[in-house]
Protein backbone atom coordinates (compact mmCIF):
# COMPACT_ATOMS: atom_id res chain seq x y z
CA LYS A 1 241.68 -29.97 55.29
CA THR A 2 240.12 -32.65 57.62
CA PHE A 3 236.97 -31.89 55.66
CA VAL A 4 238.45 -32.82 52.36
CA LEU A 5 240.50 -35.52 53.73
CA GLY A 6 236.89 -36.73 54.85
CA LEU A 7 234.97 -35.95 51.45
CA LEU A 8 237.80 -37.83 49.44
CA HIS A 9 237.51 -40.77 51.91
CA GLN A 10 234.32 -41.02 53.21
CA GLY A 11 232.03 -39.58 51.11
CA TYR A 12 229.19 -37.21 52.31
CA HIS A 13 226.19 -38.29 53.81
CA SER A 14 224.48 -40.57 50.63
CA LEU A 15 226.98 -39.33 48.41
CA ASP A 16 229.73 -41.97 47.82
CA ARG A 17 233.49 -41.11 48.02
CA LYS A 18 233.88 -41.98 44.47
CA ASP A 19 230.68 -39.44 43.13
CA VAL A 20 231.82 -37.22 40.76
CA ALA A 21 229.82 -34.32 43.04
CA ILE A 22 232.59 -34.92 45.67
CA LEU A 23 234.85 -33.80 42.81
CA ASP A 24 232.94 -30.72 41.89
CA TYR A 25 232.56 -29.87 45.22
CA ILE A 26 236.20 -29.41 46.05
CA HIS A 27 236.57 -28.12 42.16
CA ASN A 28 234.64 -25.38 42.73
CA GLY A 29 235.45 -24.71 46.35
CA LEU A 30 239.31 -24.44 45.40
CA LYS A 31 238.24 -21.74 43.14
CA LEU A 32 236.45 -19.79 46.11
CA ILE A 33 239.60 -20.16 48.27
CA MET A 34 242.21 -19.03 45.96
CA SER A 35 242.96 -16.36 47.92
CA CYS A 36 243.13 -17.92 51.14
CA PRO A 37 246.42 -18.65 52.52
CA SER A 38 245.30 -22.11 53.42
CA VAL A 39 244.67 -23.20 49.84
CA LEU A 40 248.50 -24.24 50.23
CA ASP A 41 247.69 -26.85 52.58
CA LEU A 42 244.85 -28.52 50.12
CA PHE A 43 247.46 -28.04 47.17
CA SER A 44 249.86 -30.39 49.23
CA LEU A 45 246.97 -32.77 50.42
CA LEU A 46 245.37 -33.05 47.01
CA GLN A 47 248.96 -33.84 45.69
CA VAL A 48 248.64 -37.22 47.54
CA GLU A 49 244.65 -37.67 47.37
CA VAL A 50 245.15 -37.47 43.58
CA LEU A 51 247.37 -40.19 43.23
CA ARG A 52 245.67 -42.26 45.45
CA MET A 53 242.45 -41.36 43.63
CA VAL A 54 244.30 -42.58 40.18
CA CYS A 55 245.63 -45.80 41.38
CA GLU A 56 242.64 -46.87 42.33
CA ARG A 57 241.92 -47.15 38.72
CA PRO A 58 238.38 -44.74 38.63
CA GLU A 59 235.73 -45.30 35.98
CA PRO A 60 236.33 -42.45 32.80
CA GLN A 61 233.82 -40.08 34.68
CA LEU A 62 234.85 -39.62 37.47
CA CYS A 63 238.61 -39.70 36.12
CA ALA A 64 237.78 -36.70 33.33
CA ARG A 65 236.52 -34.92 36.27
CA LEU A 66 239.44 -35.42 38.29
CA SER A 67 241.27 -34.45 35.22
CA ASP A 68 239.39 -31.19 34.81
CA LEU A 69 240.28 -29.99 38.52
CA LEU A 70 243.99 -30.91 37.70
CA THR A 71 244.02 -28.58 34.41
CA ASP A 72 242.82 -25.92 36.40
CA PHE A 73 244.86 -26.37 39.51
CA VAL A 74 248.41 -27.92 38.56
CA GLN A 75 249.34 -26.90 41.97
CA CYS A 76 247.83 -30.36 42.71
CA ILE A 77 249.25 -32.44 40.38
CA PRO A 78 252.15 -34.49 42.29
CA LYS A 79 255.50 -33.32 41.85
CA GLY A 80 259.05 -34.93 41.53
CA LYS A 81 259.48 -38.57 41.22
CA LEU A 82 255.76 -38.60 42.02
CA SER A 83 254.52 -37.02 38.84
CA ILE A 84 256.32 -40.15 37.03
CA THR A 85 254.36 -42.38 38.95
CA PHE A 86 251.51 -40.42 38.65
CA CYS A 87 251.17 -40.36 34.98
CA GLN A 88 252.41 -44.23 34.82
CA GLN A 89 249.43 -44.83 37.20
CA LEU A 90 247.00 -42.65 34.57
CA VAL A 91 248.38 -44.89 31.70
CA ARG A 92 247.18 -47.78 33.27
CA THR A 93 244.03 -46.36 34.26
CA ILE A 94 243.15 -45.43 30.64
CA GLY A 95 244.39 -48.86 29.57
CA HIS A 96 241.18 -49.92 32.16
CA PHE A 97 238.61 -47.71 30.34
CA GLN A 98 235.60 -49.47 29.06
CA CYS A 99 232.38 -48.62 27.27
CA VAL A 100 229.82 -51.07 27.18
CA SER A 101 227.25 -48.80 25.55
CA THR A 102 226.50 -49.00 21.83
CA GLN A 103 224.29 -45.22 21.95
CA GLU A 104 226.25 -42.47 20.14
CA ARG A 105 225.68 -39.65 22.98
CA GLU A 106 227.24 -42.16 25.76
CA LEU A 107 229.97 -43.21 22.71
CA ARG A 108 230.38 -39.54 22.42
CA GLU A 109 230.05 -38.94 26.10
CA TYR A 110 232.67 -41.46 26.62
CA VAL A 111 235.20 -40.35 23.65
CA SER A 112 235.00 -36.59 25.46
CA GLN A 113 236.06 -37.96 28.88
CA VAL A 114 239.00 -39.81 27.51
CA THR A 115 240.07 -37.14 25.66
CA LYS A 116 240.32 -34.97 29.20
CA VAL A 117 242.38 -37.30 30.55
CA SER A 118 244.60 -37.87 27.87
CA ASN A 119 244.60 -33.80 27.75
CA LEU A 120 245.50 -34.05 31.06
CA LEU A 121 248.87 -36.09 30.31
CA GLN A 122 249.96 -34.24 27.70
CA ASN A 123 249.82 -31.08 29.59
CA ILE A 124 252.32 -33.03 31.87
CA TRP A 125 254.58 -34.25 29.17
CA LYS A 126 255.05 -30.80 28.52
CA ALA A 127 255.44 -29.50 32.06
CA GLU A 128 257.79 -31.96 33.14
CA PRO A 129 259.52 -33.93 30.03
CA ALA A 130 261.21 -36.44 32.23
CA THR A 131 257.75 -38.10 32.86
CA LEU A 132 257.26 -39.00 29.33
CA LEU A 133 259.42 -41.83 28.71
CA PRO A 134 258.40 -43.74 31.72
CA SER A 135 254.76 -43.20 30.63
CA LEU A 136 255.23 -44.65 27.37
CA GLN A 137 257.19 -47.64 28.82
CA GLU A 138 253.94 -48.30 30.61
CA VAL A 139 251.94 -47.84 27.55
CA PHE A 140 254.57 -50.45 25.77
CA ALA A 141 254.04 -52.91 28.92
CA SER A 142 250.42 -52.92 28.53
CA ILE A 143 249.83 -53.41 24.98
CA SER A 144 252.60 -56.06 24.78
CA SER A 145 251.46 -58.45 27.76
CA THR A 146 250.60 -61.83 26.83
CA ASP A 147 248.36 -61.95 29.79
CA ALA A 148 245.09 -63.53 28.78
CA SER A 149 242.73 -62.10 31.52
CA PHE A 150 243.31 -58.94 30.36
CA GLU A 151 242.81 -56.87 26.97
CA PRO A 152 244.05 -53.21 27.52
CA SER A 153 241.83 -50.37 26.10
CA VAL A 154 241.80 -48.70 22.82
CA ALA A 155 241.66 -45.87 24.81
CA LEU A 156 245.22 -46.16 25.11
CA ALA A 157 245.12 -44.66 21.24
CA SER A 158 244.24 -41.36 22.61
CA LEU A 159 247.87 -40.71 24.04
CA VAL A 160 249.41 -41.47 20.40
CA GLN A 161 248.93 -37.92 19.14
CA HIS A 162 250.58 -36.28 21.82
CA ILE A 163 253.84 -38.26 21.53
CA PRO A 164 256.06 -35.87 19.71
CA LEU A 165 256.85 -37.38 15.97
CA GLN A 166 260.65 -36.97 16.32
CA MET A 167 261.04 -39.79 18.83
CA ILE A 168 258.95 -42.31 16.52
CA THR A 169 262.64 -43.51 15.11
CA VAL A 170 264.31 -43.90 18.65
CA LEU A 171 261.50 -45.54 20.20
CA ILE A 172 260.92 -48.07 17.36
CA ARG A 173 264.54 -48.73 16.73
CA SER A 174 264.92 -49.23 20.77
CA LEU A 175 261.81 -52.10 20.76
CA THR A 176 263.33 -53.90 18.06
CA THR A 177 266.05 -54.33 18.98
CA ASP A 178 265.72 -55.19 22.60
CA PRO A 179 266.61 -59.03 23.32
CA ASN A 180 263.97 -58.79 26.43
CA VAL A 181 261.13 -58.22 24.39
CA LYS A 182 260.00 -61.56 22.98
CA ASP A 183 258.39 -62.04 19.79
CA ALA A 184 254.98 -62.99 21.17
CA SER A 185 254.86 -59.67 23.02
CA MET A 186 255.95 -57.70 20.36
CA THR A 187 252.95 -59.54 17.96
CA GLN A 188 250.47 -58.29 21.00
CA ALA A 189 251.82 -54.80 20.70
CA LEU A 190 251.55 -54.69 16.83
CA CYS A 191 247.89 -56.22 16.73
CA ARG A 192 246.58 -53.73 19.60
CA MET A 193 248.03 -50.87 18.00
CA ILE A 194 246.53 -52.05 14.73
CA ASP A 195 243.62 -52.32 16.92
CA TRP A 196 244.07 -48.44 17.23
CA LEU A 197 243.22 -47.48 14.46
CA SER A 198 239.36 -47.60 15.58
CA TRP A 199 239.71 -45.11 17.69
CA PRO A 200 237.73 -42.12 16.34
CA LEU A 201 240.24 -39.02 17.11
CA ALA A 202 243.28 -41.05 17.24
CA GLN A 203 246.01 -38.89 15.19
CA HIS A 204 249.20 -40.61 13.83
CA VAL A 205 248.38 -43.74 14.94
CA ASP A 206 249.09 -44.96 11.33
CA THR A 207 252.42 -43.40 11.27
CA TRP A 208 253.08 -45.51 14.51
CA VAL A 209 252.16 -48.61 12.82
CA ILE A 210 253.62 -48.15 9.79
CA ALA A 211 256.75 -47.26 11.73
CA LEU A 212 256.74 -50.51 13.61
CA LEU A 213 256.13 -52.42 10.48
CA LYS A 214 259.40 -51.17 8.87
CA GLY A 215 261.27 -51.56 11.69
CA LEU A 216 260.16 -55.19 12.49
CA ALA A 217 261.06 -55.58 8.95
CA ALA A 218 264.41 -54.23 9.37
CA VAL A 219 265.27 -56.38 11.76
CA GLN A 220 263.95 -59.62 9.93
CA LYS A 221 261.27 -60.18 12.14
CA PHE A 222 259.45 -61.32 9.13
CA THR A 223 257.21 -64.31 10.93
CA ILE A 224 255.79 -61.72 13.30
CA LEU A 225 254.81 -59.24 10.33
CA ILE A 226 253.35 -62.28 8.35
CA ASP A 227 251.27 -63.25 11.41
CA VAL A 228 249.76 -59.71 12.05
CA THR A 229 249.11 -58.87 8.69
CA SER A 230 246.75 -62.45 7.83
CA LEU A 231 245.37 -61.92 11.37
CA LYS A 232 244.32 -58.26 11.13
CA ILE A 233 244.14 -57.22 7.42
CA GLU A 234 240.37 -57.95 7.42
CA LEU A 235 240.09 -55.50 10.45
CA VAL A 236 242.28 -53.01 8.65
CA PHE A 237 240.16 -52.87 5.77
CA ASN A 238 237.01 -52.91 7.71
CA ARG A 239 237.85 -49.71 9.32
CA LEU A 240 237.60 -47.91 5.78
CA TRP A 241 233.84 -48.13 6.13
CA PHE A 242 234.26 -45.58 9.01
CA PRO A 243 235.15 -42.01 7.45
CA LEU A 244 236.69 -40.36 10.51
CA VAL A 245 239.54 -43.18 10.74
CA ARG A 246 239.54 -44.08 6.94
CA PRO A 247 243.12 -42.23 6.10
CA GLY A 248 244.71 -44.03 8.72
CA ALA A 249 243.52 -47.29 7.71
CA LEU A 250 243.80 -46.79 4.16
CA ALA A 251 247.66 -45.90 4.98
CA VAL A 252 248.14 -48.98 7.15
CA LEU A 253 246.34 -51.31 4.60
CA SER A 254 248.20 -49.76 1.73
CA HIS A 255 251.37 -50.74 3.55
CA MET A 256 250.83 -54.44 4.64
CA LEU A 257 249.04 -55.23 1.29
CA LEU A 258 252.65 -53.70 -0.90
CA SER A 259 254.95 -54.94 1.88
CA PHE A 260 253.46 -58.84 1.57
CA GLN A 261 254.36 -59.40 -1.59
CA HIS A 262 255.57 -62.82 -1.41
CA SER A 263 252.10 -64.79 -1.14
CA PRO A 264 248.60 -63.35 -2.53
CA GLU A 265 247.26 -64.33 0.71
CA ALA A 266 246.76 -61.25 2.34
CA PHE A 267 244.92 -59.51 -0.57
CA HIS A 268 242.71 -62.40 -1.15
CA LEU A 269 241.49 -62.26 2.63
CA ILE A 270 240.14 -59.01 1.74
CA VAL A 271 238.68 -59.69 -1.78
CA PRO A 272 235.66 -61.04 -0.54
CA HIS A 273 234.35 -57.44 1.01
CA VAL A 274 236.13 -54.93 -1.55
CA VAL A 275 232.93 -54.75 -4.19
CA ASN A 276 230.59 -53.87 -1.39
CA LEU A 277 233.18 -51.13 -0.01
CA VAL A 278 233.17 -49.62 -3.88
CA GLN A 279 229.47 -49.74 -3.98
CA SER A 280 229.15 -47.86 -0.61
CA PHE A 281 231.40 -45.19 -1.99
CA LYS A 282 230.02 -44.62 -5.28
CA ASN A 283 226.53 -44.71 -4.28
CA ASP A 284 226.97 -41.88 -1.21
CA GLY A 285 228.74 -39.57 -3.79
CA LEU A 286 230.69 -37.23 -1.55
CA PRO A 287 234.01 -35.73 -2.43
CA SER A 288 236.04 -37.52 -0.07
CA SER A 289 234.50 -41.10 -0.82
CA THR A 290 235.12 -40.07 -4.43
CA ALA A 291 238.80 -39.43 -3.77
CA PHE A 292 239.10 -42.35 -1.43
CA LEU A 293 237.72 -44.73 -3.60
CA VAL A 294 240.27 -43.72 -6.67
CA GLN A 295 243.14 -44.30 -4.13
CA LEU A 296 241.08 -47.67 -3.35
CA THR A 297 241.25 -48.76 -6.50
CA GLU A 298 244.67 -47.90 -7.69
CA LEU A 299 246.00 -50.27 -4.69
CA ILE A 300 243.22 -53.08 -5.85
CA HIS A 301 244.66 -52.93 -9.46
CA CYS A 302 247.78 -52.56 -8.42
CA MET A 303 247.40 -56.18 -6.56
CA MET A 304 245.33 -57.69 -9.34
CA TYR A 305 248.22 -56.83 -11.64
CA HIS A 306 250.61 -58.35 -9.15
CA TYR A 307 248.96 -61.45 -8.41
CA SER A 308 247.28 -61.84 -11.97
CA GLY A 309 246.70 -65.71 -11.94
CA PHE A 310 243.25 -65.52 -10.46
CA PRO A 311 240.80 -63.58 -13.13
CA ASP A 312 237.77 -65.61 -12.27
CA LEU A 313 238.28 -64.02 -8.28
CA TYR A 314 238.97 -60.77 -9.46
CA GLU A 315 236.14 -60.55 -11.95
CA PRO A 316 233.32 -59.16 -9.63
CA ILE A 317 235.91 -56.29 -8.81
CA LEU A 318 236.46 -55.31 -11.95
CA GLU A 319 233.27 -55.09 -12.90
CA ALA A 320 232.75 -53.03 -9.78
CA ILE A 321 235.45 -50.44 -10.85
CA LYS A 322 235.22 -50.19 -14.37
CA TYR A 323 234.26 -46.79 -14.47
CA CYS A 324 236.35 -45.45 -11.89
CA SER A 325 238.70 -43.03 -13.06
CA VAL A 326 241.86 -45.35 -12.15
CA ALA A 327 240.19 -47.93 -14.27
CA GLN A 328 239.80 -46.10 -16.84
CA ALA A 329 243.60 -44.92 -17.37
CA GLU A 330 244.15 -48.52 -16.94
CA VAL A 331 246.95 -48.51 -14.36
CA GLN A 332 249.44 -50.50 -14.46
CA TRP A 333 252.17 -51.47 -11.54
CA HIS A 334 254.96 -49.38 -12.96
CA ASP A 335 252.92 -46.04 -13.96
CA HIS A 336 252.86 -44.96 -10.27
CA GLY A 337 255.81 -44.48 -8.22
CA SER A 338 254.27 -44.48 -5.13
CA LEU A 339 252.99 -48.44 -5.91
CA GLN A 340 256.46 -49.53 -7.13
CA PRO A 341 257.24 -52.95 -4.93
CA LEU A 342 258.07 -51.79 -1.18
CA HIS A 343 261.63 -51.75 0.38
CA LEU A 344 260.30 -53.97 2.52
CA GLU A 345 259.51 -57.40 0.95
CA PHE A 346 259.98 -61.35 2.21
CA LYS A 347 262.24 -63.13 0.97
């Protein structure tokens, strides 16, 4: 016990206490002494130490190794009220994660490390449901912060897939009707959730973003919606270039455009970028790209029909999509129930 405590506080010879080799040593050591009664003392010790370590904001690699250890030895996870604190601190730690590399191998490794940490949180949420809501409150506190000195990591998006979808309605209503949440904070939160569309393995991010957009419209927070749409719609459109995140990005883009019917401003922000994307979809010839091209063309036709007073602006787009199946069918706004004017109209 004293030896392990020394490793975690002082390291070992040339090894720093935060070296991943220290955690690997302890992890493997636990496997070897599982049948010894003394292992129970180590479990108690590690429950305290892992909380301390997480509060020190470990780097992604170290945090992933810690997650490996805690996944194999759940007895080391803090219990009771400390489990709530542990989860909240783990959320804060993820919010500090960064990957400065642009190399594919390092990026893949980073995503893998983040996934291990988010999976650990999911396991704790399942084992101790009382930890879930405080964890989500911590996520919202991070993404709604207006502190300009800190930008929470997009890695927080990795947690979204682990939040039960049935909680969406209750959580969004709670957020949008809370008088303590200022408009500036809500704007920040929505912008950062939209940024989550960039996370390659995130599932259901589009569902949460659209739910928040609808929730804000329901309480008539139209200024927030207009500001965020104008600010972020080009970023959302840009995500269509990346196959992994394309479905979610297209869903959010469609909702934003179809909800923004009071002005062509949002649509005209993406108009200059449409032709290049359409040509890319045409050139790669993949079935998935062809399917998305049909959906995108339908959306673009819908927008051009709605704002029909700009024929010169739309001419290059019409030329680019004239051989697409949806163009040949001469899509009209009212022909497609999915593209009826949305119920979230700005007055």
